[in-house]
C-alpha atoms as a PDB file:
ATOM      1  CA  UNK A   1     116.668  81.420  89.659  1.00  0.00           C
ATOM      2  CA  UNK A   2     113.429  81.560  91.466  1.00  0.00           C
ATOM      3  CA  UNK A   3     115.073  82.042  94.828  1.00  0.00           C
ATOM      4  CA  UNK A   4     116.842  85.278  93.687  1.00  0.00           C
ATOM      5  CA  UNK A   5     113.560  86.933  92.931  1.00  0.00           C
ATOM      6  CA  UNK A   6     112.585  89.501  95.493  1.00  0.00           C
ATOM      7  CA  UNK A   7     108.776  89.893  95.966  1.00  0.00           C
ATOM      8  CA  UNK A   8     107.898  93.030  97.912  1.00  0.00           C
ATOM      9  CA  UNK A   9     105.138  92.681 100.545  1.00  0.00           C
ATOM     10  CA  UNK A  10     102.044  94.951  99.972  1.00  0.00           C
ATOM     11  CA  UNK A  11     101.228  97.290 102.906  1.00  0.00           C
ATOM     12  CA  UNK A  12      98.404  99.534 103.631  1.00  0.00           C
ATOM     13  CA  UNK A  13      96.524  98.665 100.070  1.00  0.00           C
ATOM     14  CA  UNK A  14      93.120  96.760 100.359  1.00  0.00           C
ATOM     15  CA  UNK A  15      89.794  96.313  99.210  1.00  0.00           C
ATOM     16  CA  UNK A  16      86.598  97.032 100.457  1.00  0.00           C
ATOM     17  CA  UNK A  17      82.897  95.933  99.561  1.00  0.00           C
ATOM     18  CA  UNK A  18      80.233  98.771 100.479  1.00  0.00           C
ATOM     19  CA  UNK A  19      76.538  99.017 100.431  1.00  0.00           C
ATOM     20  CA  UNK A  20      75.418 102.221  99.044  1.00  0.00           C
ATOM     21  CA  UNK A  21      72.074 103.909  97.845  1.00  0.00           C
ATOM     22  CA  UNK A  22      71.760 104.469  94.054  1.00  0.00           C
ATOM     23  CA  UNK A  23      70.281 107.606  92.593  1.00  0.00           C
ATOM     24  CA  UNK A  24      66.847 105.851  92.626  1.00  0.00           C
ATOM     25  CA  UNK A  25      66.910 105.245  96.552  1.00  0.00           C
ATOM     26  CA  UNK A  26      67.891 101.294  95.791  1.00  0.00           C
ATOM     27  CA  UNK A  27      70.816  99.428  97.578  1.00  0.00           C
ATOM     28  CA  UNK A  28      73.775  98.642  95.432  1.00  0.00           C
ATOM     29  CA  UNK A  29      77.237  97.253  96.446  1.00  0.00           C
ATOM     30  CA  UNK A  30      80.481  98.459  95.370  1.00  0.00           C
ATOM     31  CA  UNK A  31      84.224  97.526  95.437  1.00  0.00           C
ATOM     32  CA  UNK A  32      86.824 100.002  96.345  1.00  0.00           C
ATOM     33  CA  UNK A  33      90.531 100.018  96.397  1.00  0.00           C
ATOM     34  CA  UNK A  34      92.096 101.859  99.364  1.00  0.00           C
ATOM     35  CA  UNK A  35      95.497 103.367  99.820  1.00  0.00           C
ATOM     36  CA  UNK A  36      96.306 104.023 103.162  1.00  0.00           C
ATOM     37  CA  UNK A  37      99.999 105.001 102.307  1.00  0.00           C
ATOM     38  CA  UNK A  38     101.358 108.394 102.492  1.00  0.00           C
ATOM     39  CA  UNK A  39     102.248 108.115  98.850  1.00  0.00           C
ATOM     40  CA  UNK A  40     100.266 107.505  95.549  1.00  0.00           C
ATOM     41  CA  UNK A  41     100.060 104.304  93.742  1.00  0.00           C
ATOM     42  CA  UNK A  42     100.382 104.200  90.179  1.00  0.00           C
ATOM     43  CA  UNK A  43      99.336 102.425  86.858  1.00  0.00           C
ATOM     44  CA  UNK A  44      96.898 100.065  89.016  1.00  0.00           C
ATOM     45  CA  UNK A  45      95.288  97.160  87.307  1.00  0.00           C
ATOM     46  CA  UNK A  46      92.722  95.433  89.037  1.00  0.00           C
ATOM     47  CA  UNK A  47      91.431  91.714  87.766  1.00  0.00           C
ATOM     48  CA  UNK A  48      88.329  90.616  89.505  1.00  0.00           C
ATOM     49  CA  UNK A  49      86.519  87.440  89.129  1.00  0.00           C
ATOM     50  CA  UNK A  50      84.015  85.080  91.061  1.00  0.00           C
ATOM     51  CA  UNK A  51      84.327  81.284  91.402  1.00  0.00           C
ATOM     52  CA  UNK A  52      82.870  78.337  93.611  1.00  0.00           C
ATOM     53  CA  UNK A  53      79.974  76.090  93.547  1.00  0.00           C
ATOM     54  CA  UNK A  54      76.351  76.102  94.261  1.00  0.00           C
ATOM     55  CA  UNK A  55      74.378  73.029  94.646  1.00  0.00           C
ATOM     56  CA  UNK A  56      77.271  70.917  93.570  1.00  0.00           C
ATOM     57  CA  UNK A  57      77.698  72.838  90.334  1.00  0.00           C
ATOM     58  CA  UNK A  58      80.802  74.716  89.422  1.00  0.00           C
ATOM     59  CA  UNK A  59      80.118  78.336  88.797  1.00  0.00           C
ATOM     60  CA  UNK A  60      82.430  81.260  87.653  1.00  0.00           C
ATOM     61  CA  UNK A  61      81.969  84.797  86.522  1.00  0.00           C
ATOM     62  CA  UNK A  62      83.961  86.592  83.817  1.00  0.00           C
ATOM     63  CA  UNK A  63      87.258  88.213  84.505  1.00  0.00           C
ATOM     64  CA  UNK A  64      86.885  91.831  84.450  1.00  0.00           C
ATOM     65  CA  UNK A  65      89.885  94.227  84.312  1.00  0.00           C
ATOM     66  CA  UNK A  66      89.933  97.673  85.559  1.00  0.00           C
ATOM     67  CA  UNK A  67      92.883 100.335  85.097  1.00  0.00           C
ATOM     68  CA  UNK A  68      93.518 103.039  87.853  1.00  0.00           C
ATOM     69  CA  UNK A  69      96.130 105.479  86.704  1.00  0.00           C
ATOM     70  CA  UNK A  70      96.694 107.015  90.097  1.00  0.00           C
ATOM     71  CA  UNK A  71      95.211 106.243  93.656  1.00  0.00           C
ATOM     72  CA  UNK A  72      96.199 109.185  95.542  1.00  0.00           C
ATOM     73  CA  UNK A  73      97.767 108.781  99.124  1.00  0.00           C
ATOM     74  CA  UNK A  74      95.464 108.164 101.924  1.00  0.00           C
ATOM     75  CA  UNK A  75      92.271 107.797  99.542  1.00  0.00           C
ATOM     76  CA  UNK A  76      90.205 105.436  97.619  1.00  0.00           C
ATOM     77  CA  UNK A  77      89.327 104.562  93.987  1.00  0.00           C
ATOM     78  CA  UNK A  78      85.872 102.841  92.698  1.00  0.00           C
ATOM     79  CA  UNK A  79      86.842  99.552  91.225  1.00  0.00           C
ATOM     80  CA  UNK A  80      83.233  98.320  90.164  1.00  0.00           C
ATOM     81  CA  UNK A  81      79.699  97.597  91.249  1.00  0.00           C
ATOM     82  CA  UNK A  82      79.220  94.059  92.410  1.00  0.00           C
ATOM     83  CA  UNK A  83      75.987  92.283  92.277  1.00  0.00           C
ATOM     84  CA  UNK A  84      74.656  90.523  95.403  1.00  0.00           C
ATOM     85  CA  UNK A  85      74.135  87.509  93.112  1.00  0.00           C
ATOM     86  CA  UNK A  86      77.622  86.461  93.322  1.00  0.00           C
ATOM     87  CA  UNK A  87      78.211  86.951  97.048  1.00  0.00           C
ATOM     88  CA  UNK A  88      77.837  82.898  97.394  1.00  0.00           C
ATOM     89  CA  UNK A  89      81.035  82.669  95.482  1.00  0.00           C
ATOM     90  CA  UNK A  90      84.551  83.471  96.119  1.00  0.00           C
ATOM     91  CA  UNK A  91      85.278  86.937  95.023  1.00  0.00           C
ATOM     92  CA  UNK A  92      88.759  87.594  94.006  1.00  0.00           C
ATOM     93  CA  UNK A  93      90.401  91.021  93.417  1.00  0.00           C
ATOM     94  CA  UNK A  94      93.865  90.699  91.909  1.00  0.00           C
ATOM     95  CA  UNK A  95      95.672  94.028  92.435  1.00  0.00           C
ATOM     96  CA  UNK A  96      98.877  95.150  90.664  1.00  0.00           C
ATOM     97  CA  UNK A  97     100.459  98.541  90.944  1.00  0.00           C
ATOM     98  CA  UNK A  98     103.700 100.559  90.924  1.00  0.00           C
ATOM     99  CA  UNK A  99     105.583 102.470  93.430  1.00  0.00           C
ATOM    100  CA  UNK A 100     108.429 104.269  91.659  1.00  0.00           C
ATOM    101  CA  UNK A 101     109.735 101.280  89.400  1.00  0.00           C
ATOM    102  CA  UNK A 102     108.803  98.567  91.577  1.00  0.00           C
ATOM    103  CA  UNK A 103     105.791  96.524  91.080  1.00  0.00           C
ATOM    104  CA  UNK A 104     103.621  94.891  93.895  1.00  0.00           C
ATOM    105  CA  UNK A 105     100.694  92.509  93.650  1.00  0.00           C
ATOM    106  CA  UNK A 106      98.467  91.019  95.859  1.00  0.00           C
ATOM    107  CA  UNK A 107      95.126  88.784  95.754  1.00  0.00           C
ATOM    108  CA  UNK A 108      92.250  89.790  97.739  1.00  0.00           C
ATOM    109  CA  UNK A 109      89.737  86.929  97.961  1.00  0.00           C
ATOM    110  CA  UNK A 110      86.166  87.671  99.827  1.00  0.00           C
ATOM    111  CA  UNK A 111      85.165  83.995 100.745  1.00  0.00           C
ATOM    112  CA  UNK A 112      81.646  82.844 100.140  1.00  0.00           C
ATOM    113  CA  UNK A 113      78.890  84.708 102.149  1.00  0.00           C
ATOM    114  CA  UNK A 114      81.388  87.104 103.769  1.00  0.00           C
ATOM    115  CA  UNK A 115      79.832  89.931 101.962  1.00  0.00           C
ATOM    116  CA  UNK A 116      76.890  90.525 104.099  1.00  0.00           C
ATOM    117  CA  UNK A 117      75.257  93.114 106.344  1.00  0.00           C
ATOM    118  CA  UNK A 118      76.186  91.222 109.534  1.00  0.00           C
ATOM    119  CA  UNK A 119      79.697  91.920 108.772  1.00  0.00           C
ATOM    120  CA  UNK A 120      79.769  95.586 107.995  1.00  0.00           C
ATOM    121  CA  UNK A 121      82.329  97.693 109.917  1.00  0.00           C
ATOM    122  CA  UNK A 122      83.119 101.359 109.795  1.00  0.00           C
ATOM    123  CA  UNK A 123      85.977 102.047 107.316  1.00  0.00           C
ATOM    124  CA  UNK A 124      87.431 105.538 108.088  1.00  0.00           C
ATOM    125  CA  UNK A 125      89.056 105.950 104.596  1.00  0.00           C
ATOM    126  CA  UNK A 126      85.530 105.840 102.896  1.00  0.00           C
ATOM    127  CA  UNK A 127      83.626 107.209 105.890  1.00  0.00           C
ATOM    128  CA  UNK A 128      81.046 104.438 105.343  1.00  0.00           C
ATOM    129  CA  UNK A 129      80.265 101.007 106.731  1.00  0.00           C
ATOM    130  CA  UNK A 130      81.577  98.064 104.688  1.00  0.00           C
ATOM    131  CA  UNK A 131      83.356  94.879 104.462  1.00  0.00           C
ATOM    132  CA  UNK A 132      87.313  95.502 104.665  1.00  0.00           C
ATOM    133  CA  UNK A 133      89.538  92.711 103.419  1.00  0.00           C
ATOM    134  CA  UNK A 134      92.501  92.076 105.976  1.00  0.00           C
END
């Protein structure tokens, strides 16, 4: 029965969007998975997509899937670059990972226009300014 299924709570794992300088000294934005636990997370799958509307027209991006074998304790892993042209959409990162034999998953959604320089805050794990999903 559905009521018998135990869904564990995701703790100390989050997603951040960070502006960085490219090798050509141009600004680019990147999405990172952050593991603030004192243990590794394994076999992580991240599905990312954008969806919403602009000028009353529905828009959506392709769904991209990324596999991260191990994200060490108290560290981060690059998920993907993100194009500022999609910041007006909901940008969703659905993260699934294992701790031992237990699977965990959570959706992190950056709402439209939340990815902006005005919302930057210092992210200790990355030692950079960015937008941290809470």
